[in-house]
Amino acid sequence: MQQGPADPAGEPASTPVSAGVGPWPGGPDAWPADPHYDPELLEHGDRRNVVDRYRYWRMDAIVADLDRTRHPFHVAIENWQHDMNIGSIVRSANAFAADTVHIIGRRRWNKRGAMVTDRYQHVAHHDDVAGFAAWARDAALPVIAVDNVPGAVPIEAFAWPERCVLLFGQEGPGLSPEAVDAASAVVEITQFGSTRSINASAAAAVAMHSWVLSHAELPGR
């Protein structure tokens, strides 16, 4: 696949040349005066992975606008083994407008799967489960663990709190015992095939969308 050049906002050249939009038609004299717009993007085009309403906007302006409408759920991920899924979970959190993503454990995480969405998504770090649990208590946010373990509630039968933290473990081992103990409820995603579990990033997306169906204002509703 032919790759496009890095755009003026500094995003990597990981999108096709046809992605995004070119320079604003008409040249500088036709540029909008709205301060949301970035002169560099207006001049050179916007190849970023953003929805059309944010085309040509400055990154800080996009973050500020997202902050007005972020949902009151958070996402937390244990990071003991440098799981490749973390980036994809951050990307899904951005897509579903989660408030903040919390990384528990190692501070460094593989950002490749995030596809630069971490620039628009609030990300916090906690050294261990105890520190994360203390933060959640102080914020009065119930922790809802998502894992296929004995005693878990099927996701179809679970009533998501509007304000909560969705906690995910790593690919393979799942959540640590400490993380399960810190949760006020454990939810499992119902499966029908032969595999024991689904990919961690896929499970996170399913759980976030389940919360959205319960609490978000959806088009057409």
N, C-alpha and C. Protein backbone atom coordinates (compact mmCIF):
# COMPACT_ATOMS: atom_id res chain seq x y z
N MET A 1 0.84 -1.20 0.00
CA MET A 1 0.00 0.00 0.00
C MET A 1 0.88 1.25 0.00
N GLN A 2 0.60 2.18 -0.86
CA GLN A 2 1.37 3.41 -0.92
C GLN A 2 1.09 4.24 0.32
N GLN A 3 2.14 4.78 0.93
CA GLN A 3 1.99 5.51 2.18
C GLN A 3 2.10 7.01 1.93
N GLY A 4 1.36 7.77 2.73
CA GLY A 4 1.39 9.22 2.61
C GLY A 4 2.50 9.82 3.45
N PRO A 5 2.88 11.06 3.20
CA PRO A 5 3.91 11.72 3.98
C PRO A 5 3.40 12.05 5.37
N ALA A 6 4.32 12.28 6.30
CA ALA A 6 3.92 12.70 7.64
C ALA A 6 3.22 14.05 7.53
N ASP A 7 2.13 14.22 8.28
CA ASP A 7 1.38 15.46 8.17
C ASP A 7 1.95 16.52 9.10
N PRO A 8 1.52 17.81 8.94
CA PRO A 8 2.10 18.89 9.73
C PRO A 8 1.90 18.72 11.22
N ALA A 9 0.90 17.96 11.67
CA ALA A 9 0.65 17.78 13.10
C ALA A 9 1.59 16.74 13.70
N GLY A 10 2.43 16.13 12.88
CA GLY A 10 3.43 15.22 13.38
C GLY A 10 2.99 13.78 13.45
N GLU A 11 1.86 13.43 12.86
CA GLU A 11 1.42 12.04 12.92
C GLU A 11 2.23 11.23 11.91
N PRO A 12 2.47 9.95 12.21
CA PRO A 12 3.30 9.12 11.33
C PRO A 12 2.64 8.88 9.99
N ALA A 13 3.46 8.60 9.01
CA ALA A 13 2.96 8.36 7.65
C ALA A 13 2.45 6.93 7.56
N SER A 14 1.30 6.65 8.21
CA SER A 14 0.78 5.29 8.26
C SER A 14 -0.57 5.17 7.58
N THR A 15 -0.97 6.20 6.84
CA THR A 15 -2.25 6.17 6.16
C THR A 15 -2.04 6.30 4.67
N PRO A 16 -2.93 5.76 3.85
CA PRO A 16 -2.77 5.87 2.40
C PRO A 16 -2.79 7.32 1.95
N VAL A 17 -2.18 7.57 0.79
CA VAL A 17 -2.14 8.93 0.25
C VAL A 17 -3.55 9.48 0.08
N SER A 18 -4.52 8.64 -0.24
CA SER A 18 -5.88 9.09 -0.50
C SER A 18 -6.63 9.45 0.77
N ALA A 19 -6.08 9.10 1.95
CA ALA A 19 -6.79 9.37 3.20
C ALA A 19 -6.77 10.86 3.51
N GLY A 20 -7.81 11.31 4.21
CA GLY A 20 -7.84 12.70 4.64
C GLY A 20 -8.20 13.65 3.53
N VAL A 21 -7.80 14.90 3.72
CA VAL A 21 -8.12 15.96 2.76
C VAL A 21 -6.87 16.77 2.44
N GLY A 22 -6.87 17.40 1.29
CA GLY A 22 -5.75 18.23 0.88
C GLY A 22 -5.85 19.63 1.46
N PRO A 23 -5.01 20.54 0.96
CA PRO A 23 -5.05 21.92 1.44
C PRO A 23 -6.44 22.54 1.29
N TRP A 24 -6.74 23.49 2.15
CA TRP A 24 -8.03 24.18 2.08
C TRP A 24 -8.16 24.89 0.72
N PRO A 25 -9.26 24.64 0.00
CA PRO A 25 -9.41 25.26 -1.33
C PRO A 25 -9.40 26.78 -1.27
N GLY A 26 -8.77 27.37 -2.24
CA GLY A 26 -8.79 28.82 -2.36
C GLY A 26 -7.60 29.54 -1.78
N GLY A 27 -6.71 28.81 -1.11
CA GLY A 27 -5.52 29.43 -0.57
C GLY A 27 -5.78 30.22 0.70
N PRO A 28 -4.74 30.86 1.24
CA PRO A 28 -4.83 31.57 2.53
C PRO A 28 -5.96 32.59 2.61
N ASP A 29 -6.27 33.22 1.49
CA ASP A 29 -7.34 34.23 1.53
C ASP A 29 -8.70 33.62 1.85
N ALA A 30 -8.84 32.34 1.63
CA ALA A 30 -10.13 31.67 1.88
C ALA A 30 -10.16 30.91 3.21
N TRP A 31 -9.06 30.95 3.96
CA TRP A 31 -9.01 30.21 5.22
C TRP A 31 -10.04 30.74 6.21
N PRO A 32 -10.68 29.84 6.97
CA PRO A 32 -11.63 30.29 8.00
C PRO A 32 -10.89 31.00 9.13
N ALA A 33 -11.57 31.95 9.73
CA ALA A 33 -10.95 32.74 10.80
C ALA A 33 -11.09 32.08 12.18
N ASP A 34 -11.89 31.03 12.26
CA ASP A 34 -12.13 30.34 13.53
C ASP A 34 -10.81 29.85 14.13
N PRO A 35 -10.52 30.17 15.40
CA PRO A 35 -9.24 29.77 16.01
C PRO A 35 -9.07 28.27 16.20
N HIS A 36 -10.13 27.47 16.00
CA HIS A 36 -9.98 26.01 16.07
C HIS A 36 -9.06 25.49 14.98
N TYR A 37 -8.96 26.21 13.88
CA TYR A 37 -8.23 25.69 12.73
C TYR A 37 -6.73 25.92 12.85
N ASP A 38 -5.97 24.97 12.31
CA ASP A 38 -4.52 24.99 12.34
C ASP A 38 -4.00 25.49 10.99
N PRO A 39 -3.29 26.62 10.96
CA PRO A 39 -2.79 27.15 9.69
C PRO A 39 -1.94 26.16 8.90
N GLU A 40 -1.14 25.34 9.61
CA GLU A 40 -0.30 24.36 8.92
C GLU A 40 -1.15 23.32 8.19
N LEU A 41 -2.22 22.87 8.86
CA LEU A 41 -3.09 21.88 8.23
C LEU A 41 -3.89 22.50 7.10
N LEU A 42 -4.31 23.74 7.26
CA LEU A 42 -5.03 24.42 6.18
C LEU A 42 -4.15 24.55 4.94
N GLU A 43 -2.87 24.78 5.16
CA GLU A 43 -1.95 24.98 4.04
C GLU A 43 -1.55 23.67 3.37
N HIS A 44 -1.31 22.63 4.18
CA HIS A 44 -0.74 21.40 3.64
C HIS A 44 -1.72 20.24 3.53
N GLY A 45 -2.88 20.35 4.15
CA GLY A 45 -3.84 19.25 4.15
C GLY A 45 -3.84 18.51 5.48
N ASP A 46 -4.87 17.73 5.68
CA ASP A 46 -5.04 17.02 6.95
C ASP A 46 -5.20 15.53 6.67
N ARG A 47 -4.14 14.75 6.94
CA ARG A 47 -4.16 13.31 6.69
C ARG A 47 -4.40 12.50 7.95
N ARG A 48 -4.78 13.14 9.04
CA ARG A 48 -4.94 12.43 10.31
C ARG A 48 -6.18 11.54 10.32
N ASN A 49 -6.17 10.58 11.25
CA ASN A 49 -7.30 9.68 11.43
C ASN A 49 -8.30 10.33 12.38
N VAL A 50 -9.01 11.33 11.88
CA VAL A 50 -10.02 12.03 12.67
C VAL A 50 -11.32 12.10 11.86
N VAL A 51 -12.44 12.23 12.56
CA VAL A 51 -13.72 12.35 11.87
C VAL A 51 -13.77 13.69 11.14
N ASP A 52 -14.66 13.79 10.17
CA ASP A 52 -14.69 14.95 9.30
C ASP A 52 -14.90 16.27 10.05
N ARG A 53 -15.65 16.24 11.14
CA ARG A 53 -15.93 17.50 11.84
C ARG A 53 -14.67 18.11 12.44
N TYR A 54 -13.61 17.30 12.60
CA TYR A 54 -12.36 17.81 13.18
C TYR A 54 -11.28 18.05 12.12
N ARG A 55 -11.64 17.97 10.86
CA ARG A 55 -10.65 18.23 9.82
C ARG A 55 -10.10 19.65 9.94
N TYR A 56 -8.79 19.75 9.87
CA TYR A 56 -8.04 21.00 9.92
C TYR A 56 -7.99 21.62 11.33
N TRP A 57 -8.61 20.99 12.32
CA TRP A 57 -8.58 21.54 13.68
C TRP A 57 -7.22 21.30 14.34
N ARG A 58 -6.82 22.21 15.22
CA ARG A 58 -5.65 22.00 16.05
C ARG A 58 -5.91 20.84 17.01
N MET A 59 -4.84 20.12 17.38
CA MET A 59 -5.01 18.97 18.26
C MET A 59 -5.58 19.39 19.62
N ASP A 60 -5.09 20.48 20.20
CA ASP A 60 -5.59 20.91 21.50
C ASP A 60 -7.06 21.33 21.42
N ALA A 61 -7.48 21.84 20.28
CA ALA A 61 -8.88 22.22 20.10
C ALA A 61 -9.77 20.98 20.04
N ILE A 62 -9.27 19.91 19.41
CA ILE A 62 -10.03 18.66 19.36
C ILE A 62 -10.18 18.08 20.76
N VAL A 63 -9.08 18.05 21.52
CA VAL A 63 -9.14 17.52 22.88
C VAL A 63 -10.12 18.31 23.73
N ALA A 64 -10.08 19.63 23.62
CA ALA A 64 -10.99 20.47 24.40
C ALA A 64 -12.44 20.21 24.02
N ASP A 65 -12.69 19.99 22.75
CA ASP A 65 -14.07 19.72 22.32
C ASP A 65 -14.52 18.34 22.81
N LEU A 66 -13.63 17.36 22.75
CA LEU A 66 -13.96 16.03 23.26
C LEU A 66 -14.24 16.07 24.76
N ASP A 67 -13.53 16.92 25.47
CA ASP A 67 -13.72 17.02 26.92
C ASP A 67 -15.13 17.47 27.29
N ARG A 68 -15.80 18.13 26.39
CA ARG A 68 -17.17 18.57 26.67
C ARG A 68 -18.16 17.41 26.63
N THR A 69 -17.82 16.34 25.93
CA THR A 69 -18.80 15.28 25.68
C THR A 69 -18.31 13.88 26.07
N ARG A 70 -17.18 13.79 26.75
CA ARG A 70 -16.70 12.46 27.14
C ARG A 70 -17.71 11.80 28.08
N HIS A 71 -17.81 10.48 27.96
CA HIS A 71 -18.72 9.73 28.81
C HIS A 71 -18.12 9.54 30.21
N PRO A 72 -18.96 9.29 31.21
CA PRO A 72 -18.45 9.18 32.59
C PRO A 72 -17.90 7.81 32.96
N PHE A 73 -17.56 6.98 31.97
CA PHE A 73 -16.89 5.72 32.31
C PHE A 73 -15.41 5.83 31.98
N HIS A 74 -14.61 5.14 32.79
CA HIS A 74 -13.18 5.07 32.59
C HIS A 74 -12.80 3.66 32.17
N VAL A 75 -11.61 3.49 31.67
CA VAL A 75 -11.09 2.18 31.28
C VAL A 75 -9.74 1.99 31.97
N ALA A 76 -9.53 0.82 32.55
CA ALA A 76 -8.24 0.50 33.18
C ALA A 76 -7.70 -0.81 32.62
N ILE A 77 -6.39 -0.88 32.47
CA ILE A 77 -5.74 -2.05 31.88
C ILE A 77 -4.51 -2.40 32.71
N GLU A 78 -4.38 -3.67 33.07
CA GLU A 78 -3.16 -4.10 33.73
C GLU A 78 -2.05 -4.26 32.68
N ASN A 79 -0.86 -3.83 33.03
CA ASN A 79 0.26 -3.84 32.08
C ASN A 79 1.49 -4.43 32.75
N TRP A 80 1.49 -5.75 32.89
CA TRP A 80 2.63 -6.42 33.50
C TRP A 80 3.55 -7.05 32.46
N GLN A 81 3.03 -7.34 31.29
CA GLN A 81 3.81 -8.07 30.28
C GLN A 81 3.94 -7.31 28.97
N HIS A 82 3.75 -6.00 29.01
CA HIS A 82 3.87 -5.18 27.80
C HIS A 82 2.93 -5.69 26.71
N ASP A 83 1.66 -5.86 27.06
CA ASP A 83 0.66 -6.44 26.18
C ASP A 83 0.45 -5.57 24.93
N MET A 84 0.50 -6.20 23.77
CA MET A 84 0.30 -5.48 22.50
C MET A 84 -1.13 -4.95 22.35
N ASN A 85 -2.07 -5.50 23.14
CA ASN A 85 -3.46 -5.09 23.00
C ASN A 85 -3.76 -3.72 23.59
N ILE A 86 -2.87 -3.20 24.42
CA ILE A 86 -3.17 -1.96 25.14
C ILE A 86 -3.43 -0.82 24.17
N GLY A 87 -2.63 -0.71 23.14
CA GLY A 87 -2.84 0.37 22.16
C GLY A 87 -4.20 0.29 21.51
N SER A 88 -4.63 -0.93 21.17
CA SER A 88 -5.95 -1.10 20.55
C SER A 88 -7.06 -0.73 21.53
N ILE A 89 -6.87 -1.04 22.81
CA ILE A 89 -7.88 -0.68 23.81
C ILE A 89 -7.96 0.82 23.96
N VAL A 90 -6.83 1.50 23.92
CA VAL A 90 -6.83 2.97 23.97
C VAL A 90 -7.58 3.53 22.76
N ARG A 91 -7.35 2.93 21.62
CA ARG A 91 -8.05 3.39 20.40
C ARG A 91 -9.56 3.23 20.55
N SER A 92 -10.01 2.09 21.09
CA SER A 92 -11.44 1.88 21.30
C SER A 92 -11.99 2.85 22.35
N ALA A 93 -11.21 3.11 23.39
CA ALA A 93 -11.65 4.07 24.42
C ALA A 93 -11.88 5.44 23.81
N ASN A 94 -11.00 5.83 22.90
CA ASN A 94 -11.19 7.09 22.19
C ASN A 94 -12.45 7.06 21.33
N ALA A 95 -12.68 5.94 20.64
CA ALA A 95 -13.84 5.83 19.76
C ALA A 95 -15.14 5.91 20.54
N PHE A 96 -15.16 5.37 21.77
CA PHE A 96 -16.38 5.37 22.57
C PHE A 96 -16.40 6.53 23.58
N ALA A 97 -15.44 7.44 23.45
CA ALA A 97 -15.39 8.67 24.27
C ALA A 97 -15.31 8.37 25.76
N ALA A 98 -14.45 7.44 26.15
CA ALA A 98 -14.21 7.19 27.56
C ALA A 98 -13.54 8.41 28.19
N ASP A 99 -13.77 8.58 29.48
CA ASP A 99 -13.17 9.73 30.17
C ASP A 99 -11.65 9.64 30.15
N THR A 100 -11.11 8.55 30.73
CA THR A 100 -9.67 8.39 30.86
C THR A 100 -9.33 6.91 30.78
N VAL A 101 -8.16 6.61 30.22
CA VAL A 101 -7.62 5.25 30.25
C VAL A 101 -6.53 5.20 31.32
N HIS A 102 -6.60 4.20 32.20
CA HIS A 102 -5.65 4.05 33.29
C HIS A 102 -4.78 2.83 33.03
N ILE A 103 -3.47 3.04 32.99
CA ILE A 103 -2.51 1.96 32.79
C ILE A 103 -1.98 1.56 34.16
N ILE A 104 -2.17 0.31 34.54
CA ILE A 104 -1.73 -0.19 35.85
C ILE A 104 -0.49 -1.07 35.66
N GLY A 105 0.60 -0.71 36.35
CA GLY A 105 1.81 -1.51 36.23
C GLY A 105 2.90 -0.75 35.50
N ARG A 106 3.46 -1.35 34.49
CA ARG A 106 4.55 -0.71 33.75
C ARG A 106 4.08 0.59 33.10
N ARG A 107 4.90 1.61 33.25
CA ARG A 107 4.52 2.90 32.68
C ARG A 107 4.58 2.88 31.15
N ARG A 108 5.53 2.17 30.60
CA ARG A 108 5.67 2.11 29.15
C ARG A 108 4.69 1.08 28.58
N TRP A 109 4.08 1.43 27.47
CA TRP A 109 3.16 0.50 26.81
C TRP A 109 3.28 0.69 25.31
N ASN A 110 2.96 -0.35 24.58
CA ASN A 110 3.11 -0.33 23.12
C ASN A 110 2.00 0.53 22.51
N LYS A 111 2.37 1.65 21.94
CA LYS A 111 1.39 2.60 21.43
C LYS A 111 1.01 2.37 19.96
N ARG A 112 1.62 1.41 19.34
CA ARG A 112 1.40 1.23 17.90
C ARG A 112 -0.08 1.01 17.58
N GLY A 113 -0.75 0.18 18.37
CA GLY A 113 -2.14 -0.12 18.10
C GLY A 113 -3.07 1.05 18.36
N ALA A 114 -2.59 2.06 19.08
CA ALA A 114 -3.44 3.22 19.38
C ALA A 114 -3.65 4.10 18.15
N MET A 115 -2.79 3.97 17.15
CA MET A 115 -2.92 4.75 15.91
C MET A 115 -3.05 6.24 16.21
N VAL A 116 -2.24 6.71 17.16
CA VAL A 116 -2.12 8.13 17.53
C VAL A 116 -3.33 8.63 18.32
N THR A 117 -4.31 7.79 18.61
CA THR A 117 -5.48 8.26 19.36
C THR A 117 -5.12 8.63 20.80
N ASP A 118 -3.96 8.17 21.31
CA ASP A 118 -3.57 8.55 22.66
C ASP A 118 -3.31 10.05 22.77
N ARG A 119 -3.13 10.72 21.65
CA ARG A 119 -2.95 12.18 21.69
C ARG A 119 -4.25 12.90 22.01
N TYR A 120 -5.36 12.24 21.78
CA TYR A 120 -6.67 12.85 22.00
C TYR A 120 -7.38 12.25 23.22
N GLN A 121 -6.81 11.19 23.78
CA GLN A 121 -7.42 10.47 24.88
C GLN A 121 -6.62 10.69 26.17
N HIS A 122 -7.29 11.04 27.26
CA HIS A 122 -6.59 11.18 28.53
C HIS A 122 -6.10 9.81 28.99
N VAL A 123 -4.82 9.72 29.36
CA VAL A 123 -4.21 8.47 29.82
C VAL A 123 -3.51 8.75 31.14
N ALA A 124 -3.81 7.94 32.17
CA ALA A 124 -3.19 8.08 33.48
C ALA A 124 -2.44 6.80 33.82
N HIS A 125 -1.53 6.88 34.80
CA HIS A 125 -0.74 5.72 35.19
C HIS A 125 -0.83 5.47 36.69
N HIS A 126 -0.87 4.19 37.07
CA HIS A 126 -0.85 3.77 38.47
C HIS A 126 0.21 2.68 38.61
N ASP A 127 1.04 2.79 39.62
CA ASP A 127 2.14 1.83 39.77
C ASP A 127 1.66 0.41 40.00
N ASP A 128 0.56 0.24 40.72
CA ASP A 128 0.08 -1.10 41.04
C ASP A 128 -1.42 -1.08 41.26
N VAL A 129 -2.00 -2.26 41.48
CA VAL A 129 -3.44 -2.36 41.66
C VAL A 129 -3.89 -1.61 42.90
N ALA A 130 -3.09 -1.65 43.97
CA ALA A 130 -3.46 -0.96 45.20
C ALA A 130 -3.60 0.54 44.98
N GLY A 131 -2.67 1.12 44.23
CA GLY A 131 -2.75 2.55 43.94
C GLY A 131 -3.94 2.88 43.07
N PHE A 132 -4.21 2.05 42.10
CA PHE A 132 -5.39 2.24 41.25
C PHE A 132 -6.67 2.14 42.06
N ALA A 133 -6.77 1.12 42.92
CA ALA A 133 -7.97 0.93 43.73
C ALA A 133 -8.19 2.11 44.66
N ALA A 134 -7.12 2.65 45.21
CA ALA A 134 -7.25 3.82 46.08
C ALA A 134 -7.77 5.02 45.30
N TRP A 135 -7.26 5.19 44.08
CA TRP A 135 -7.77 6.29 43.25
C TRP A 135 -9.25 6.12 42.97
N ALA A 136 -9.67 4.90 42.61
CA ALA A 136 -11.08 4.65 42.29
C ALA A 136 -11.97 4.93 43.50
N ARG A 137 -11.51 4.52 44.70
CA ARG A 137 -12.30 4.80 45.92
C ARG A 137 -12.44 6.30 46.14
N ASP A 138 -11.34 7.03 45.99
CA ASP A 138 -11.37 8.48 46.19
C ASP A 138 -12.29 9.15 45.18
N ALA A 139 -12.35 8.60 43.96
CA ALA A 139 -13.20 9.17 42.91
C ALA A 139 -14.63 8.67 42.98
N ALA A 140 -14.90 7.77 43.95
CA ALA A 140 -16.23 7.18 44.11
C ALA A 140 -16.69 6.49 42.83
N LEU A 141 -15.77 5.75 42.20
CA LEU A 141 -16.07 5.04 40.96
C LEU A 141 -15.99 3.54 41.21
N PRO A 142 -17.09 2.81 41.06
CA PRO A 142 -17.02 1.36 41.20
C PRO A 142 -16.17 0.75 40.09
N VAL A 143 -15.39 -0.26 40.44
CA VAL A 143 -14.55 -0.95 39.47
C VAL A 143 -15.29 -2.20 39.00
N ILE A 144 -15.49 -2.29 37.69
CA ILE A 144 -16.17 -3.44 37.09
C ILE A 144 -15.14 -4.22 36.28
N ALA A 145 -14.75 -5.38 36.78
CA ALA A 145 -13.78 -6.20 36.08
C ALA A 145 -14.46 -6.97 34.95
N VAL A 146 -13.76 -7.13 33.85
CA VAL A 146 -14.28 -7.88 32.71
C VAL A 146 -13.35 -9.06 32.46
N ASP A 147 -13.85 -10.27 32.77
CA ASP A 147 -13.04 -11.47 32.59
C ASP A 147 -13.94 -12.69 32.68
N ASN A 148 -13.59 -13.72 31.98
CA ASN A 148 -14.35 -14.97 32.03
C ASN A 148 -13.82 -15.83 33.18
N VAL A 149 -14.34 -15.60 34.37
CA VAL A 149 -13.92 -16.35 35.55
C VAL A 149 -15.15 -16.88 36.26
N PRO A 150 -15.01 -17.93 37.07
CA PRO A 150 -16.16 -18.47 37.79
C PRO A 150 -16.85 -17.39 38.62
N GLY A 151 -18.17 -17.36 38.56
CA GLY A 151 -18.94 -16.40 39.33
C GLY A 151 -19.20 -15.08 38.62
N ALA A 152 -18.64 -14.89 37.41
CA ALA A 152 -18.85 -13.64 36.69
C ALA A 152 -20.28 -13.55 36.19
N VAL A 153 -20.79 -12.33 36.10
CA VAL A 153 -22.15 -12.08 35.63
C VAL A 153 -22.14 -11.96 34.11
N PRO A 154 -23.00 -12.66 33.39
CA PRO A 154 -23.06 -12.49 31.93
C PRO A 154 -23.34 -11.04 31.58
N ILE A 155 -22.65 -10.52 30.59
CA ILE A 155 -22.76 -9.11 30.26
C ILE A 155 -24.18 -8.71 29.88
N GLU A 156 -24.95 -9.64 29.31
CA GLU A 156 -26.32 -9.33 28.92
C GLU A 156 -27.22 -9.09 30.13
N ALA A 157 -26.84 -9.62 31.28
CA ALA A 157 -27.66 -9.51 32.48
C ALA A 157 -27.14 -8.46 33.45
N PHE A 158 -26.06 -7.75 33.07
CA PHE A 158 -25.44 -6.81 33.99
C PHE A 158 -25.94 -5.39 33.75
N ALA A 159 -26.22 -4.68 34.82
CA ALA A 159 -26.64 -3.28 34.74
C ALA A 159 -25.43 -2.40 35.01
N TRP A 160 -24.88 -1.83 33.95
CA TRP A 160 -23.69 -0.99 34.11
C TRP A 160 -24.00 0.26 34.91
N PRO A 161 -23.20 0.58 35.93
CA PRO A 161 -23.35 1.89 36.57
C PRO A 161 -22.98 2.98 35.55
N GLU A 162 -23.61 4.13 35.65
CA GLU A 162 -23.28 5.19 34.70
C GLU A 162 -21.85 5.68 34.90
N ARG A 163 -21.45 5.83 36.15
CA ARG A 163 -20.08 6.23 36.48
C ARG A 163 -19.35 4.99 36.99
N CYS A 164 -18.32 4.57 36.30
CA CYS A 164 -17.61 3.37 36.70
C CYS A 164 -16.28 3.28 35.97
N VAL A 165 -15.50 2.26 36.33
CA VAL A 165 -14.25 1.95 35.63
C VAL A 165 -14.34 0.53 35.12
N LEU A 166 -14.13 0.33 33.83
CA LEU A 166 -14.08 -0.99 33.23
C LEU A 166 -12.64 -1.48 33.28
N LEU A 167 -12.41 -2.57 33.99
CA LEU A 167 -11.05 -3.05 34.23
C LEU A 167 -10.77 -4.31 33.42
N PHE A 168 -9.67 -4.29 32.68
CA PHE A 168 -9.31 -5.40 31.80
C PHE A 168 -7.93 -5.95 32.16
N GLY A 169 -7.76 -7.25 31.96
CA GLY A 169 -6.48 -7.88 32.19
C GLY A 169 -5.71 -8.05 30.89
N GLN A 170 -4.70 -8.87 30.93
CA GLN A 170 -3.84 -9.07 29.79
C GLN A 170 -4.24 -10.29 28.99
N GLU A 171 -3.79 -10.30 27.76
CA GLU A 171 -4.03 -11.45 26.89
C GLU A 171 -3.40 -12.69 27.52
N GLY A 172 -4.17 -13.76 27.64
CA GLY A 172 -3.65 -14.99 28.22
C GLY A 172 -4.01 -15.12 29.69
N PRO A 173 -3.23 -14.49 30.59
CA PRO A 173 -3.51 -14.68 32.02
C PRO A 173 -4.76 -13.98 32.51
N GLY A 174 -5.24 -12.99 31.78
CA GLY A 174 -6.41 -12.25 32.23
C GLY A 174 -6.09 -11.36 33.41
N LEU A 175 -7.08 -11.07 34.25
CA LEU A 175 -6.88 -10.20 35.39
C LEU A 175 -6.12 -10.91 36.51
N SER A 176 -5.30 -10.14 37.22
CA SER A 176 -4.60 -10.68 38.38
C SER A 176 -5.60 -10.88 39.52
N PRO A 177 -5.29 -11.77 40.47
CA PRO A 177 -6.17 -11.94 41.63
C PRO A 177 -6.40 -10.62 42.38
N GLU A 178 -5.36 -9.79 42.46
CA GLU A 178 -5.51 -8.50 43.16
C GLU A 178 -6.52 -7.61 42.46
N ALA A 179 -6.53 -7.64 41.13
CA ALA A 179 -7.46 -6.82 40.37
C ALA A 179 -8.90 -7.31 40.57
N VAL A 180 -9.08 -8.61 40.56
CA VAL A 180 -10.43 -9.16 40.78
C VAL A 180 -10.93 -8.79 42.17
N ASP A 181 -10.05 -8.85 43.16
CA ASP A 181 -10.44 -8.50 44.53
C ASP A 181 -10.80 -7.03 44.66
N ALA A 182 -10.21 -6.18 43.81
CA ALA A 182 -10.48 -4.74 43.87
C ALA A 182 -11.79 -4.36 43.20
N ALA A 183 -12.39 -5.30 42.48
CA ALA A 183 -13.61 -5.00 41.72
C ALA A 183 -14.86 -5.21 42.56
N SER A 184 -15.86 -4.38 42.30
CA SER A 184 -17.15 -4.55 42.97
C SER A 184 -18.05 -5.53 42.23
N ALA A 185 -17.70 -5.85 40.98
CA ALA A 185 -18.43 -6.84 40.19
C ALA A 185 -17.51 -7.35 39.10
N VAL A 186 -17.76 -8.58 38.64
CA VAL A 186 -17.00 -9.16 37.53
C VAL A 186 -18.00 -9.57 36.45
N VAL A 187 -17.75 -9.12 35.24
CA VAL A 187 -18.64 -9.36 34.11
C VAL A 187 -17.91 -10.23 33.08
N GLU A 188 -18.63 -11.16 32.50
CA GLU A 188 -18.04 -11.98 31.45
C GLU A 188 -18.82 -11.78 30.15
N ILE A 189 -18.11 -11.88 29.04
CA ILE A 189 -18.74 -11.77 27.72
C ILE A 189 -19.16 -13.17 27.28
N THR A 190 -20.45 -13.35 27.04
CA THR A 190 -20.98 -14.65 26.67
C THR A 190 -20.43 -15.09 25.31
N GLN A 191 -19.95 -16.30 25.24
CA GLN A 191 -19.39 -16.85 24.01
C GLN A 191 -20.10 -18.14 23.63
N PHE A 192 -20.03 -18.49 22.37
CA PHE A 192 -20.79 -19.63 21.87
C PHE A 192 -19.95 -20.62 21.07
N GLY A 193 -18.68 -20.33 20.89
CA GLY A 193 -17.83 -21.22 20.09
C GLY A 193 -16.95 -22.09 20.95
N SER A 194 -15.86 -22.59 20.37
CA SER A 194 -14.99 -23.53 21.05
C SER A 194 -13.86 -22.86 21.83
N THR A 195 -13.53 -21.61 21.49
CA THR A 195 -12.42 -20.96 22.14
C THR A 195 -12.78 -20.54 23.57
N ARG A 196 -11.80 -20.58 24.45
CA ARG A 196 -12.04 -20.24 25.85
C ARG A 196 -12.24 -18.74 26.03
N SER A 197 -11.57 -17.95 25.22
CA SER A 197 -11.66 -16.50 25.41
C SER A 197 -11.46 -15.79 24.08
N ILE A 198 -11.89 -14.54 24.03
CA ILE A 198 -11.65 -13.72 22.84
C ILE A 198 -10.50 -12.77 23.11
N ASN A 199 -9.97 -12.19 22.05
CA ASN A 199 -8.86 -11.25 22.15
C ASN A 199 -9.17 -10.15 23.16
N ALA A 200 -8.17 -9.74 23.94
CA ALA A 200 -8.38 -8.76 25.00
C ALA A 200 -8.92 -7.43 24.47
N SER A 201 -8.38 -6.97 23.34
CA SER A 201 -8.85 -5.69 22.79
C SER A 201 -10.28 -5.82 22.26
N ALA A 202 -10.62 -6.99 21.70
CA ALA A 202 -11.99 -7.21 21.25
C ALA A 202 -12.95 -7.23 22.43
N ALA A 203 -12.55 -7.89 23.52
CA ALA A 203 -13.39 -7.92 24.72
C ALA A 203 -13.62 -6.52 25.26
N ALA A 204 -12.58 -5.71 25.24
CA ALA A 204 -12.73 -4.34 25.74
C ALA A 204 -13.71 -3.55 24.89
N ALA A 205 -13.63 -3.70 23.58
CA ALA A 205 -14.55 -2.99 22.69
C ALA A 205 -15.99 -3.44 22.93
N VAL A 206 -16.20 -4.74 23.11
CA VAL A 206 -17.54 -5.26 23.36
C VAL A 206 -18.09 -4.66 24.66
N ALA A 207 -17.28 -4.65 25.71
CA ALA A 207 -17.73 -4.14 27.00
C ALA A 207 -18.03 -2.64 26.93
N MET A 208 -17.18 -1.88 26.28
CA MET A 208 -17.43 -0.44 26.15
C MET A 208 -18.72 -0.17 25.39
N HIS A 209 -18.94 -0.93 24.33
CA HIS A 209 -20.16 -0.72 23.56
C HIS A 209 -21.39 -1.12 24.37
N SER A 210 -21.25 -2.12 25.22
CA SER A 210 -22.35 -2.50 26.09
C SER A 210 -22.71 -1.36 27.03
N TRP A 211 -21.69 -0.69 27.57
CA TRP A 211 -21.94 0.49 28.41
C TRP A 211 -22.64 1.57 27.59
N VAL A 212 -22.17 1.81 26.38
CA VAL A 212 -22.77 2.83 25.51
C VAL A 212 -24.25 2.55 25.27
N LEU A 213 -24.59 1.30 25.01
CA LEU A 213 -25.99 0.95 24.78
C LEU A 213 -26.86 1.23 26.00
N SER A 214 -26.25 1.18 27.18
CA SER A 214 -26.99 1.41 28.41
C SER A 214 -27.15 2.89 28.76
N HIS A 215 -26.16 3.72 28.40
CA HIS A 215 -26.15 5.08 28.95
C HIS A 215 -25.95 6.21 27.94
N ALA A 216 -25.41 5.93 26.78
CA ALA A 216 -25.08 7.03 25.86
C ALA A 216 -26.32 7.48 25.10
N GLU A 217 -26.30 8.74 24.71
CA GLU A 217 -27.36 9.27 23.86
C GLU A 217 -27.02 8.88 22.42
N LEU A 218 -27.80 7.98 21.85
CA LEU A 218 -27.52 7.44 20.54
C LEU A 218 -28.34 8.15 19.46
N PRO A 219 -27.78 8.29 18.27
CA PRO A 219 -28.53 8.91 17.17
C PRO A 219 -29.82 8.15 16.90
N GLY A 220 -30.90 8.87 16.72
CA GLY A 220 -32.18 8.24 16.38
C GLY A 220 -33.00 7.82 17.56
N ARG A 221 -32.42 7.92 18.78
CA ARG A 221 -33.19 7.52 19.96
C ARG A 221 -34.02 8.69 20.48
